[in-house]
Amino acid sequence: MAKTEPAPRPTWTSPLEVGVHVRSFYSALPEQPTRSVFQALRDDPRLLGFLERYKLGRLEFSGRLPRPDWLGFYQPLSNDLAVNCFRSPESYGMEFYPPELPSVSVAGQNLVQAMQRSLYHELGHQILNISGPEIEQQVKRLLRSGRAIPISLRAKWDAAEYLCETFSAYRFEDGLADKDPEGYHMVEAILRMEFPK
C-alpha cells in the first residue's frame, strides 16, 4: 500500500463519535478498512462509555509514529493515539502462541485485525493513564509475584506493557483465562472499576 498522509475522516469512526469519544480522527487508509478497524468497538459498550467520560485526543491511522517499526503509540499528556496502518505484512498473521509471540497484535490474521489489536493495546494505555498510579503499582506487584504469565514478549517489558497486551488479548483471544489466569482476572477487576455497567 502506498503511503499517504492522513486526512480528517470524522464520519468514518462509527461507533466512535468525533466530539464525544475522540477530539479528532485522521486516516491514511481508504474508507472500508478504516471502518472495519472500528468494528471491534461495536460490541464493546463499556469501553465506549469509558471513552465518553475520558475522551481521546487525536486518533490517527497512519505511519506517523516515533519509529516506523512501532505498531502503535499513545501520548499520555494529550491522550493522542496512533495506530500504524503501514506495518509490514510480516508483522501479523502469526499463530497465537504465548509466550514466544512478539505482541498480541501479530496474531491478527490480516492488517485490519492487527490494527484492531494494536488499537486495543493503545487504549489500554489510556485506561492505565486514567486509572492512576495505584493500578500500575498493583500490576507491578502481580508481575513481581511470579503468578502472572505474560502473554507476549512485549508483555514482559514492564507493568504498562503487560496490562496493555493483556487487555488486547482479553478482547480478542478466548484462551486468555487459561493462558494467564491472573492477567485475565486483573483485566476483569479493572473493567469493574473503570467501566461500570
N, C-alpha and C. Protein backbone atom coordinates (compact mmCIF):
# COMPACT_ATOMS: atom_id res chain seq x y z
N MET A 1 0.84 -1.17 0.00
CA MET A 1 0.00 0.00 0.00
C MET A 1 0.89 1.24 0.00
N ALA A 2 0.59 2.15 -0.90
CA ALA A 2 1.36 3.40 -0.98
C ALA A 2 1.05 4.25 0.26
N LYS A 3 2.11 4.82 0.81
CA LYS A 3 1.92 5.67 1.99
C LYS A 3 1.34 7.01 1.57
N THR A 4 0.28 7.39 2.25
CA THR A 4 -0.33 8.69 2.02
C THR A 4 -0.42 9.42 3.36
N GLU A 5 -0.56 10.71 3.28
CA GLU A 5 -0.74 11.49 4.50
C GLU A 5 -2.15 11.27 5.04
N PRO A 6 -2.30 11.20 6.34
CA PRO A 6 -3.65 11.04 6.89
C PRO A 6 -4.49 12.29 6.67
N ALA A 7 -5.76 12.07 6.44
CA ALA A 7 -6.71 13.17 6.24
C ALA A 7 -7.81 13.07 7.29
N PRO A 8 -8.44 14.19 7.63
CA PRO A 8 -9.54 14.12 8.60
C PRO A 8 -10.68 13.29 8.03
N ARG A 9 -11.17 12.35 8.81
CA ARG A 9 -12.25 11.46 8.39
C ARG A 9 -13.25 11.30 9.53
N PRO A 10 -13.88 12.37 9.99
CA PRO A 10 -14.74 12.29 11.17
C PRO A 10 -15.98 11.40 11.00
N THR A 11 -16.38 11.12 9.78
CA THR A 11 -17.60 10.31 9.59
C THR A 11 -17.30 8.82 9.43
N TRP A 12 -16.04 8.42 9.52
CA TRP A 12 -15.67 7.02 9.32
C TRP A 12 -15.46 6.26 10.62
N THR A 13 -15.75 6.85 11.75
CA THR A 13 -15.33 6.29 13.03
C THR A 13 -16.37 5.46 13.76
N SER A 14 -17.56 5.30 13.23
CA SER A 14 -18.63 4.61 13.95
C SER A 14 -18.15 3.23 14.42
N PRO A 15 -18.42 2.92 15.69
CA PRO A 15 -19.32 3.50 16.66
C PRO A 15 -18.73 4.66 17.48
N LEU A 16 -17.44 4.99 17.31
CA LEU A 16 -16.91 6.18 17.96
C LEU A 16 -17.50 7.41 17.29
N GLU A 17 -17.64 8.48 18.06
CA GLU A 17 -18.10 9.74 17.50
C GLU A 17 -17.07 10.82 17.81
N VAL A 18 -16.66 11.51 16.76
CA VAL A 18 -15.76 12.65 16.94
C VAL A 18 -16.52 13.71 17.73
N GLY A 19 -15.88 14.22 18.76
CA GLY A 19 -16.51 15.20 19.64
C GLY A 19 -17.11 14.57 20.89
N VAL A 20 -17.37 13.27 20.85
CA VAL A 20 -17.93 12.56 22.00
C VAL A 20 -16.87 11.64 22.61
N HIS A 21 -16.27 10.78 21.79
CA HIS A 21 -15.29 9.79 22.27
C HIS A 21 -13.85 10.19 21.94
N VAL A 22 -13.69 11.03 20.95
CA VAL A 22 -12.37 11.41 20.44
C VAL A 22 -12.46 12.84 19.91
N ARG A 23 -11.39 13.60 20.13
CA ARG A 23 -11.39 15.00 19.69
C ARG A 23 -11.35 15.10 18.15
N SER A 24 -10.50 14.28 17.51
CA SER A 24 -10.39 14.31 16.05
C SER A 24 -9.88 12.96 15.57
N PHE A 25 -10.14 12.68 14.29
CA PHE A 25 -9.69 11.43 13.71
C PHE A 25 -9.15 11.67 12.31
N TYR A 26 -7.99 11.06 12.04
CA TYR A 26 -7.33 11.15 10.74
C TYR A 26 -6.96 9.74 10.30
N SER A 27 -7.11 9.47 9.00
CA SER A 27 -6.74 8.16 8.48
C SER A 27 -6.02 8.29 7.15
N ALA A 28 -5.00 7.46 6.99
CA ALA A 28 -4.31 7.34 5.71
C ALA A 28 -4.81 6.12 4.94
N LEU A 29 -5.76 5.40 5.52
CA LEU A 29 -6.35 4.23 4.86
C LEU A 29 -7.58 4.64 4.06
N PRO A 30 -7.97 3.82 3.10
CA PRO A 30 -9.27 4.04 2.44
C PRO A 30 -10.42 3.83 3.43
N GLU A 31 -11.61 4.20 3.01
CA GLU A 31 -12.76 4.16 3.91
C GLU A 31 -13.08 2.78 4.46
N GLN A 32 -13.17 1.76 3.62
CA GLN A 32 -13.63 0.45 4.09
C GLN A 32 -12.71 -0.17 5.15
N PRO A 33 -11.38 -0.23 4.93
CA PRO A 33 -10.55 -0.78 6.01
C PRO A 33 -10.58 0.06 7.29
N THR A 34 -10.71 1.37 7.14
CA THR A 34 -10.81 2.24 8.33
C THR A 34 -12.04 1.85 9.13
N ARG A 35 -13.19 1.77 8.46
CA ARG A 35 -14.43 1.39 9.15
C ARG A 35 -14.32 -0.01 9.76
N SER A 36 -13.64 -0.90 9.06
CA SER A 36 -13.50 -2.28 9.57
C SER A 36 -12.71 -2.33 10.87
N VAL A 37 -11.68 -1.51 11.00
CA VAL A 37 -10.91 -1.47 12.26
C VAL A 37 -11.84 -1.08 13.41
N PHE A 38 -12.69 -0.11 13.19
CA PHE A 38 -13.58 0.36 14.26
C PHE A 38 -14.67 -0.64 14.63
N GLN A 39 -14.92 -1.63 13.78
CA GLN A 39 -15.96 -2.61 14.09
C GLN A 39 -15.66 -3.38 15.38
N ALA A 40 -14.40 -3.46 15.75
CA ALA A 40 -14.04 -4.14 17.01
C ALA A 40 -14.69 -3.46 18.21
N LEU A 41 -14.97 -2.17 18.11
CA LEU A 41 -15.56 -1.42 19.22
C LEU A 41 -17.08 -1.56 19.27
N ARG A 42 -17.69 -2.02 18.20
CA ARG A 42 -19.15 -2.08 18.11
C ARG A 42 -19.76 -2.88 19.26
N ASP A 43 -19.14 -3.98 19.63
CA ASP A 43 -19.68 -4.85 20.68
C ASP A 43 -19.05 -4.57 22.04
N ASP A 44 -18.58 -3.36 22.26
CA ASP A 44 -17.90 -3.03 23.50
C ASP A 44 -18.49 -1.76 24.12
N PRO A 45 -19.76 -1.80 24.52
CA PRO A 45 -20.40 -0.58 25.03
C PRO A 45 -19.73 -0.03 26.29
N ARG A 46 -19.13 -0.89 27.10
CA ARG A 46 -18.47 -0.38 28.31
C ARG A 46 -17.24 0.45 27.96
N LEU A 47 -16.48 0.01 26.96
CA LEU A 47 -15.32 0.80 26.53
C LEU A 47 -15.78 2.11 25.90
N LEU A 48 -16.85 2.06 25.11
CA LEU A 48 -17.39 3.29 24.54
C LEU A 48 -17.84 4.26 25.63
N GLY A 49 -18.45 3.74 26.69
CA GLY A 49 -18.84 4.59 27.82
C GLY A 49 -17.63 5.20 28.51
N PHE A 50 -16.57 4.41 28.66
CA PHE A 50 -15.33 4.91 29.25
C PHE A 50 -14.77 6.06 28.40
N LEU A 51 -14.77 5.87 27.07
CA LEU A 51 -14.22 6.90 26.18
C LEU A 51 -15.12 8.13 26.12
N GLU A 52 -16.38 7.97 26.44
CA GLU A 52 -17.26 9.13 26.53
C GLU A 52 -16.89 9.97 27.75
N ARG A 53 -16.53 9.29 28.84
CA ARG A 53 -16.13 10.00 30.06
C ARG A 53 -14.70 10.54 29.96
N TYR A 54 -13.82 9.80 29.27
CA TYR A 54 -12.40 10.15 29.17
C TYR A 54 -11.99 10.16 27.70
N LYS A 55 -12.35 11.22 27.02
CA LYS A 55 -12.18 11.34 25.57
C LYS A 55 -10.71 11.27 25.17
N LEU A 56 -10.48 10.58 24.05
CA LEU A 56 -9.16 10.59 23.43
C LEU A 56 -8.93 11.95 22.79
N GLY A 57 -7.66 12.26 22.56
CA GLY A 57 -7.33 13.46 21.81
C GLY A 57 -7.43 13.17 20.32
N ARG A 58 -6.32 13.25 19.65
CA ARG A 58 -6.26 12.96 18.21
C ARG A 58 -6.03 11.46 18.04
N LEU A 59 -6.88 10.82 17.29
CA LEU A 59 -6.74 9.40 16.93
C LEU A 59 -6.34 9.37 15.47
N GLU A 60 -5.32 8.57 15.16
CA GLU A 60 -4.80 8.57 13.80
C GLU A 60 -4.41 7.17 13.37
N PHE A 61 -4.81 6.79 12.15
CA PHE A 61 -4.33 5.58 11.49
C PHE A 61 -3.37 6.06 10.40
N SER A 62 -2.09 5.87 10.64
CA SER A 62 -1.08 6.39 9.71
C SER A 62 0.22 5.66 9.95
N GLY A 63 1.27 6.19 9.35
CA GLY A 63 2.61 5.70 9.61
C GLY A 63 3.42 6.70 10.40
N ARG A 64 2.75 7.73 10.92
CA ARG A 64 3.44 8.80 11.64
C ARG A 64 3.54 8.45 13.13
N LEU A 65 4.51 7.61 13.43
CA LEU A 65 4.79 7.21 14.81
C LEU A 65 6.24 7.57 15.10
N PRO A 66 6.65 7.59 16.37
CA PRO A 66 8.03 7.96 16.67
C PRO A 66 9.07 7.13 15.91
N ARG A 67 8.74 5.85 15.68
CA ARG A 67 9.63 4.98 14.89
C ARG A 67 8.77 4.23 13.88
N PRO A 68 9.27 4.00 12.68
CA PRO A 68 8.46 3.36 11.64
C PRO A 68 8.10 1.91 11.96
N ASP A 69 8.85 1.26 12.82
CA ASP A 69 8.55 -0.14 13.16
C ASP A 69 7.59 -0.26 14.36
N TRP A 70 7.18 0.85 14.95
CA TRP A 70 6.22 0.80 16.05
C TRP A 70 4.84 0.47 15.49
N LEU A 71 4.08 -0.30 16.23
CA LEU A 71 2.75 -0.72 15.79
C LEU A 71 1.67 0.25 16.27
N GLY A 72 1.98 1.01 17.29
CA GLY A 72 1.05 1.99 17.82
C GLY A 72 1.79 2.90 18.78
N PHE A 73 1.11 3.97 19.19
CA PHE A 73 1.72 4.95 20.07
C PHE A 73 0.62 5.69 20.83
N TYR A 74 0.83 5.90 22.12
CA TYR A 74 -0.10 6.66 22.96
C TYR A 74 0.67 7.76 23.66
N GLN A 75 0.14 8.97 23.63
CA GLN A 75 0.75 10.12 24.29
C GLN A 75 -0.11 10.49 25.50
N PRO A 76 0.35 10.19 26.73
CA PRO A 76 -0.49 10.40 27.91
C PRO A 76 -0.85 11.85 28.21
N LEU A 77 -0.01 12.81 27.86
CA LEU A 77 -0.32 14.20 28.19
C LEU A 77 -1.50 14.74 27.37
N SER A 78 -1.62 14.29 26.13
CA SER A 78 -2.68 14.79 25.25
C SER A 78 -3.76 13.74 24.98
N ASN A 79 -3.52 12.51 25.41
CA ASN A 79 -4.40 11.37 25.10
C ASN A 79 -4.49 11.11 23.60
N ASP A 80 -3.47 11.52 22.84
CA ASP A 80 -3.42 11.22 21.41
C ASP A 80 -2.97 9.77 21.22
N LEU A 81 -3.51 9.16 20.19
CA LEU A 81 -3.24 7.75 19.95
C LEU A 81 -3.07 7.55 18.44
N ALA A 82 -2.05 6.77 18.05
CA ALA A 82 -1.83 6.46 16.64
C ALA A 82 -1.65 4.96 16.49
N VAL A 83 -2.20 4.42 15.42
CA VAL A 83 -2.02 3.01 15.07
C VAL A 83 -1.38 2.98 13.69
N ASN A 84 -0.34 2.18 13.56
CA ASN A 84 0.42 2.08 12.31
C ASN A 84 -0.37 1.29 11.28
N CYS A 85 -0.81 1.95 10.22
CA CYS A 85 -1.55 1.27 9.16
C CYS A 85 -0.63 0.87 8.01
N PHE A 86 0.67 1.15 8.15
CA PHE A 86 1.63 0.77 7.12
C PHE A 86 2.61 -0.28 7.64
N ARG A 87 2.23 -1.01 8.65
CA ARG A 87 3.09 -2.05 9.19
C ARG A 87 3.30 -3.13 8.13
N SER A 88 4.40 -3.79 8.20
CA SER A 88 4.74 -4.79 7.17
C SER A 88 3.88 -6.04 7.35
N PRO A 89 3.61 -6.73 6.26
CA PRO A 89 2.84 -7.98 6.35
C PRO A 89 3.50 -9.04 7.24
N GLU A 90 4.79 -8.94 7.46
CA GLU A 90 5.48 -9.88 8.37
C GLU A 90 5.12 -9.61 9.83
N SER A 91 4.45 -8.48 10.10
CA SER A 91 4.12 -8.12 11.49
C SER A 91 2.73 -8.58 11.90
N TYR A 92 2.12 -9.45 11.12
CA TYR A 92 0.84 -10.05 11.51
C TYR A 92 0.68 -11.39 10.81
N GLY A 93 -0.37 -12.12 11.17
CA GLY A 93 -0.62 -13.42 10.58
C GLY A 93 0.04 -14.57 11.32
N MET A 94 0.57 -14.32 12.51
CA MET A 94 1.20 -15.38 13.30
C MET A 94 0.16 -16.10 14.16
N GLU A 95 0.48 -17.30 14.55
CA GLU A 95 -0.40 -18.06 15.43
C GLU A 95 -0.31 -17.51 16.84
N PHE A 96 -1.43 -17.52 17.54
CA PHE A 96 -1.44 -17.04 18.93
C PHE A 96 -0.81 -18.13 19.79
N TYR A 97 0.49 -17.96 20.04
CA TYR A 97 1.23 -18.96 20.80
C TYR A 97 2.11 -18.27 21.83
N PRO A 98 1.51 -17.94 22.99
CA PRO A 98 2.32 -17.33 24.04
C PRO A 98 3.32 -18.36 24.58
N PRO A 99 4.40 -17.97 25.14
CA PRO A 99 4.88 -16.60 25.36
C PRO A 99 5.85 -16.12 24.28
N GLU A 100 6.05 -16.91 23.21
CA GLU A 100 7.01 -16.51 22.17
C GLU A 100 6.47 -15.43 21.24
N LEU A 101 5.20 -15.13 21.33
CA LEU A 101 4.56 -14.13 20.47
C LEU A 101 5.20 -12.77 20.72
N PRO A 102 5.66 -12.08 19.68
CA PRO A 102 6.25 -10.74 19.91
C PRO A 102 5.26 -9.77 20.56
N SER A 103 4.03 -9.74 20.05
CA SER A 103 2.97 -8.92 20.64
C SER A 103 1.63 -9.54 20.27
N VAL A 104 0.59 -9.17 20.98
CA VAL A 104 -0.74 -9.72 20.71
C VAL A 104 -1.19 -9.34 19.30
N SER A 105 -0.81 -8.17 18.82
CA SER A 105 -1.30 -7.74 17.51
C SER A 105 -0.77 -8.59 16.37
N VAL A 106 0.36 -9.26 16.53
CA VAL A 106 0.88 -10.08 15.43
C VAL A 106 0.01 -11.31 15.18
N ALA A 107 -0.88 -11.63 16.12
CA ALA A 107 -1.79 -12.75 15.93
C ALA A 107 -3.03 -12.37 15.11
N GLY A 108 -3.16 -11.10 14.74
CA GLY A 108 -4.21 -10.71 13.80
C GLY A 108 -3.92 -11.36 12.46
N GLN A 109 -4.93 -11.89 11.81
CA GLN A 109 -4.70 -12.64 10.58
C GLN A 109 -4.55 -11.75 9.34
N ASN A 110 -4.88 -10.48 9.46
CA ASN A 110 -4.72 -9.53 8.35
C ASN A 110 -4.46 -8.15 8.95
N LEU A 111 -4.26 -7.16 8.09
CA LEU A 111 -3.93 -5.82 8.57
C LEU A 111 -5.02 -5.26 9.47
N VAL A 112 -6.29 -5.42 9.10
CA VAL A 112 -7.38 -4.88 9.91
C VAL A 112 -7.38 -5.50 11.30
N GLN A 113 -7.27 -6.82 11.39
CA GLN A 113 -7.27 -7.48 12.70
C GLN A 113 -6.05 -7.06 13.52
N ALA A 114 -4.90 -6.93 12.88
CA ALA A 114 -3.70 -6.50 13.59
C ALA A 114 -3.88 -5.08 14.13
N MET A 115 -4.48 -4.21 13.32
CA MET A 115 -4.73 -2.84 13.77
C MET A 115 -5.75 -2.79 14.90
N GLN A 116 -6.77 -3.64 14.85
CA GLN A 116 -7.75 -3.70 15.94
C GLN A 116 -7.05 -4.05 17.24
N ARG A 117 -6.17 -5.03 17.20
CA ARG A 117 -5.44 -5.44 18.40
C ARG A 117 -4.50 -4.33 18.89
N SER A 118 -3.85 -3.64 17.96
CA SER A 118 -2.99 -2.52 18.35
C SER A 118 -3.82 -1.38 18.93
N LEU A 119 -4.99 -1.13 18.35
CA LEU A 119 -5.88 -0.09 18.89
C LEU A 119 -6.24 -0.41 20.34
N TYR A 120 -6.62 -1.65 20.62
CA TYR A 120 -6.96 -2.03 21.99
C TYR A 120 -5.75 -1.93 22.91
N HIS A 121 -4.58 -2.32 22.41
CA HIS A 121 -3.37 -2.19 23.23
C HIS A 121 -3.18 -0.72 23.62
N GLU A 122 -3.27 0.18 22.65
CA GLU A 122 -3.06 1.60 22.95
C GLU A 122 -4.18 2.16 23.83
N LEU A 123 -5.40 1.67 23.66
CA LEU A 123 -6.48 2.08 24.56
C LEU A 123 -6.20 1.61 25.99
N GLY A 124 -5.48 0.50 26.13
CA GLY A 124 -5.04 0.05 27.45
C GLY A 124 -4.18 1.11 28.13
N HIS A 125 -3.35 1.80 27.36
CA HIS A 125 -2.56 2.90 27.93
C HIS A 125 -3.46 4.03 28.41
N GLN A 126 -4.52 4.32 27.67
CA GLN A 126 -5.47 5.35 28.10
C GLN A 126 -6.12 4.94 29.43
N ILE A 127 -6.52 3.69 29.53
CA ILE A 127 -7.14 3.18 30.77
C ILE A 127 -6.15 3.31 31.93
N LEU A 128 -4.92 2.91 31.69
CA LEU A 128 -3.89 3.00 32.74
C LEU A 128 -3.63 4.46 33.12
N ASN A 129 -3.60 5.34 32.15
CA ASN A 129 -3.38 6.76 32.40
C ASN A 129 -4.49 7.34 33.27
N ILE A 130 -5.72 6.97 32.99
CA ILE A 130 -6.86 7.49 33.75
C ILE A 130 -6.95 6.83 35.12
N SER A 131 -6.61 5.55 35.19
CA SER A 131 -6.75 4.79 36.44
C SER A 131 -5.81 5.26 37.54
N GLY A 132 -4.69 5.83 37.17
CA GLY A 132 -3.77 6.37 38.16
C GLY A 132 -2.67 5.41 38.55
N PRO A 133 -1.72 5.92 39.34
CA PRO A 133 -0.51 5.15 39.65
C PRO A 133 -0.76 3.91 40.52
N GLU A 134 -1.82 3.89 41.30
CA GLU A 134 -2.06 2.73 42.15
C GLU A 134 -2.31 1.46 41.32
N ILE A 135 -3.03 1.59 40.21
CA ILE A 135 -3.28 0.43 39.35
C ILE A 135 -1.96 -0.08 38.79
N GLU A 136 -1.11 0.84 38.32
CA GLU A 136 0.18 0.41 37.78
C GLU A 136 1.01 -0.28 38.86
N GLN A 137 0.95 0.22 40.09
CA GLN A 137 1.68 -0.43 41.18
C GLN A 137 1.14 -1.85 41.44
N GLN A 138 -0.18 -2.01 41.37
CA GLN A 138 -0.77 -3.34 41.54
C GLN A 138 -0.30 -4.29 40.44
N VAL A 139 -0.22 -3.78 39.21
CA VAL A 139 0.24 -4.60 38.09
C VAL A 139 1.71 -4.97 38.29
N LYS A 140 2.52 -4.02 38.75
CA LYS A 140 3.94 -4.31 39.03
C LYS A 140 4.07 -5.40 40.07
N ARG A 141 3.26 -5.30 41.14
CA ARG A 141 3.31 -6.33 42.19
C ARG A 141 2.91 -7.70 41.63
N LEU A 142 1.90 -7.74 40.78
CA LEU A 142 1.49 -9.00 40.16
C LEU A 142 2.62 -9.58 39.33
N LEU A 143 3.28 -8.76 38.53
CA LEU A 143 4.40 -9.25 37.72
C LEU A 143 5.54 -9.77 38.59
N ARG A 144 5.88 -9.04 39.65
CA ARG A 144 6.98 -9.46 40.54
C ARG A 144 6.64 -10.72 41.32
N SER A 145 5.35 -10.97 41.53
CA SER A 145 4.94 -12.12 42.35
C SER A 145 5.24 -13.45 41.67
N GLY A 146 5.41 -13.43 40.35
CA GLY A 146 5.63 -14.68 39.63
C GLY A 146 4.33 -15.40 39.26
N ARG A 147 3.19 -14.86 39.67
CA ARG A 147 1.90 -15.50 39.35
C ARG A 147 1.43 -15.17 37.94
N ALA A 148 1.88 -14.03 37.41
CA ALA A 148 1.48 -13.62 36.06
C ALA A 148 2.24 -14.45 35.03
N ILE A 149 1.58 -14.73 33.93
CA ILE A 149 2.20 -15.44 32.81
C ILE A 149 2.05 -14.52 31.59
N PRO A 150 3.02 -13.63 31.37
CA PRO A 150 2.89 -12.67 30.27
C PRO A 150 2.58 -13.36 28.94
N ILE A 151 1.61 -12.80 28.25
CA ILE A 151 1.04 -13.40 27.04
C ILE A 151 1.92 -13.20 25.81
N SER A 152 2.89 -12.28 25.89
CA SER A 152 3.77 -11.99 24.75
C SER A 152 5.11 -11.49 25.27
N LEU A 153 6.07 -11.41 24.36
CA LEU A 153 7.37 -10.85 24.73
C LEU A 153 7.23 -9.39 25.16
N ARG A 154 6.38 -8.63 24.46
CA ARG A 154 6.16 -7.23 24.83
C ARG A 154 5.59 -7.13 26.24
N ALA A 155 4.72 -8.05 26.61
CA ALA A 155 4.09 -8.03 27.94
C ALA A 155 5.10 -8.22 29.06
N LYS A 156 6.28 -8.73 28.74
CA LYS A 156 7.32 -8.94 29.74
C LYS A 156 8.13 -7.68 30.01
N TRP A 157 7.98 -6.62 29.18
CA TRP A 157 8.80 -5.42 29.31
C TRP A 157 8.61 -4.71 30.63
N ASP A 158 7.36 -4.40 30.96
CA ASP A 158 7.08 -3.66 32.19
C ASP A 158 5.58 -3.76 32.48
N ALA A 159 5.17 -3.15 33.59
CA ALA A 159 3.77 -3.26 34.03
C ALA A 159 2.80 -2.66 33.01
N ALA A 160 3.14 -1.51 32.43
CA ALA A 160 2.23 -0.89 31.47
C ALA A 160 2.04 -1.78 30.25
N GLU A 161 3.12 -2.32 29.72
CA GLU A 161 3.01 -3.18 28.53
C GLU A 161 2.30 -4.49 28.87
N TYR A 162 2.53 -5.00 30.07
CA TYR A 162 1.82 -6.21 30.49
C TYR A 162 0.31 -5.97 30.51
N LEU A 163 -0.10 -4.86 31.12
CA LEU A 163 -1.53 -4.56 31.18
C LEU A 163 -2.11 -4.37 29.78
N CYS A 164 -1.43 -3.62 28.93
CA CYS A 164 -1.97 -3.30 27.60
C CYS A 164 -2.04 -4.54 26.71
N GLU A 165 -1.03 -5.37 26.77
CA GLU A 165 -1.06 -6.61 25.99
C GLU A 165 -2.16 -7.54 26.50
N THR A 166 -2.31 -7.61 27.81
CA THR A 166 -3.34 -8.46 28.39
C THR A 166 -4.73 -7.93 28.07
N PHE A 167 -4.89 -6.61 28.07
CA PHE A 167 -6.18 -6.01 27.72
C PHE A 167 -6.55 -6.35 26.27
N SER A 168 -5.59 -6.27 25.37
CA SER A 168 -5.84 -6.62 23.97
C SER A 168 -6.18 -8.10 23.83
N ALA A 169 -5.44 -8.95 24.51
CA ALA A 169 -5.72 -10.40 24.46
C ALA A 169 -7.08 -10.71 25.08
N TYR A 170 -7.45 -9.99 26.12
CA TYR A 170 -8.75 -10.18 26.76
C TYR A 170 -9.87 -9.98 25.75
N ARG A 171 -9.71 -8.99 24.88
CA ARG A 171 -10.75 -8.67 23.89
C ARG A 171 -10.77 -9.66 22.71
N PHE A 172 -9.58 -10.17 22.32
CA PHE A 172 -9.50 -10.92 21.07
C PHE A 172 -9.16 -12.40 21.20
N GLU A 173 -8.70 -12.84 22.35
CA GLU A 173 -8.27 -14.24 22.48
C GLU A 173 -9.09 -14.97 23.53
N ASP A 174 -9.90 -15.93 23.09
CA ASP A 174 -10.76 -16.67 24.01
C ASP A 174 -9.98 -17.45 25.06
N GLY A 175 -8.76 -17.85 24.76
CA GLY A 175 -7.99 -18.68 25.67
C GLY A 175 -7.19 -17.93 26.71
N LEU A 176 -7.37 -16.63 26.84
CA LEU A 176 -6.55 -15.86 27.79
C LEU A 176 -6.70 -16.38 29.22
N ALA A 177 -7.91 -16.69 29.64
CA ALA A 177 -8.13 -17.14 31.03
C ALA A 177 -7.33 -18.40 31.35
N ASP A 178 -7.11 -19.24 30.36
CA ASP A 178 -6.32 -20.46 30.57
C ASP A 178 -4.82 -20.18 30.50
N LYS A 179 -4.43 -19.25 29.64
CA LYS A 179 -3.00 -18.99 29.42
C LYS A 179 -2.40 -18.07 30.49
N ASP A 180 -3.19 -17.12 30.98
CA ASP A 180 -2.72 -16.21 32.04
C ASP A 180 -3.91 -15.88 32.95
N PRO A 181 -4.29 -16.81 33.84
CA PRO A 181 -5.45 -16.58 34.70
C PRO A 181 -5.35 -15.30 35.53
N GLU A 182 -4.18 -15.01 36.06
CA GLU A 182 -4.01 -13.80 36.89
C GLU A 182 -4.21 -12.54 36.05
N GLY A 183 -3.68 -12.55 34.83
CA GLY A 183 -3.85 -11.40 33.95
C GLY A 183 -5.31 -11.22 33.56
N TYR A 184 -5.98 -12.32 33.29
CA TYR A 184 -7.40 -12.27 32.95
C TYR A 184 -8.20 -11.65 34.10
N HIS A 185 -7.94 -12.10 35.32
CA HIS A 185 -8.65 -11.56 36.49
C HIS A 185 -8.29 -10.10 36.76
N MET A 186 -7.04 -9.73 36.46
CA MET A 186 -6.63 -8.34 36.61
C MET A 186 -7.46 -7.44 35.68
N VAL A 187 -7.59 -7.85 34.42
CA VAL A 187 -8.39 -7.05 33.47
C VAL A 187 -9.84 -7.00 33.92
N GLU A 188 -10.39 -8.12 34.38
CA GLU A 188 -11.77 -8.14 34.87
C GLU A 188 -11.95 -7.13 36.01
N ALA A 189 -11.00 -7.10 36.93
CA ALA A 189 -11.10 -6.17 38.08
C ALA A 189 -11.03 -4.72 37.61
N ILE A 190 -10.14 -4.42 36.67
CA ILE A 190 -10.03 -3.05 36.16
C ILE A 190 -11.31 -2.66 35.42
N LEU A 191 -11.86 -3.57 34.66
CA LEU A 191 -13.11 -3.29 33.95
C LEU A 191 -14.24 -2.99 34.93
N ARG A 192 -14.30 -3.72 36.02
CA ARG A 192 -15.34 -3.45 37.02
C ARG A 192 -15.18 -2.07 37.64
N MET A 193 -13.91 -1.67 37.87
CA MET A 193 -13.65 -0.36 38.48
C MET A 193 -13.87 0.78 37.50
N GLU A 194 -13.30 0.65 36.30
CA GLU A 194 -13.28 1.76 35.35
C GLU A 194 -14.44 1.77 34.37
N PHE A 195 -15.10 0.64 34.20
CA PHE A 195 -16.15 0.52 33.20
C PHE A 195 -17.45 0.07 33.87
N PRO A 196 -17.99 0.85 34.75
CA PRO A 196 -19.24 0.41 35.41
C PRO A 196 -20.33 0.19 34.38
N LYS A 197 -21.17 -0.78 34.68
CA LYS A 197 -22.28 -1.09 33.75
C LYS A 197 -23.34 -0.01 33.78
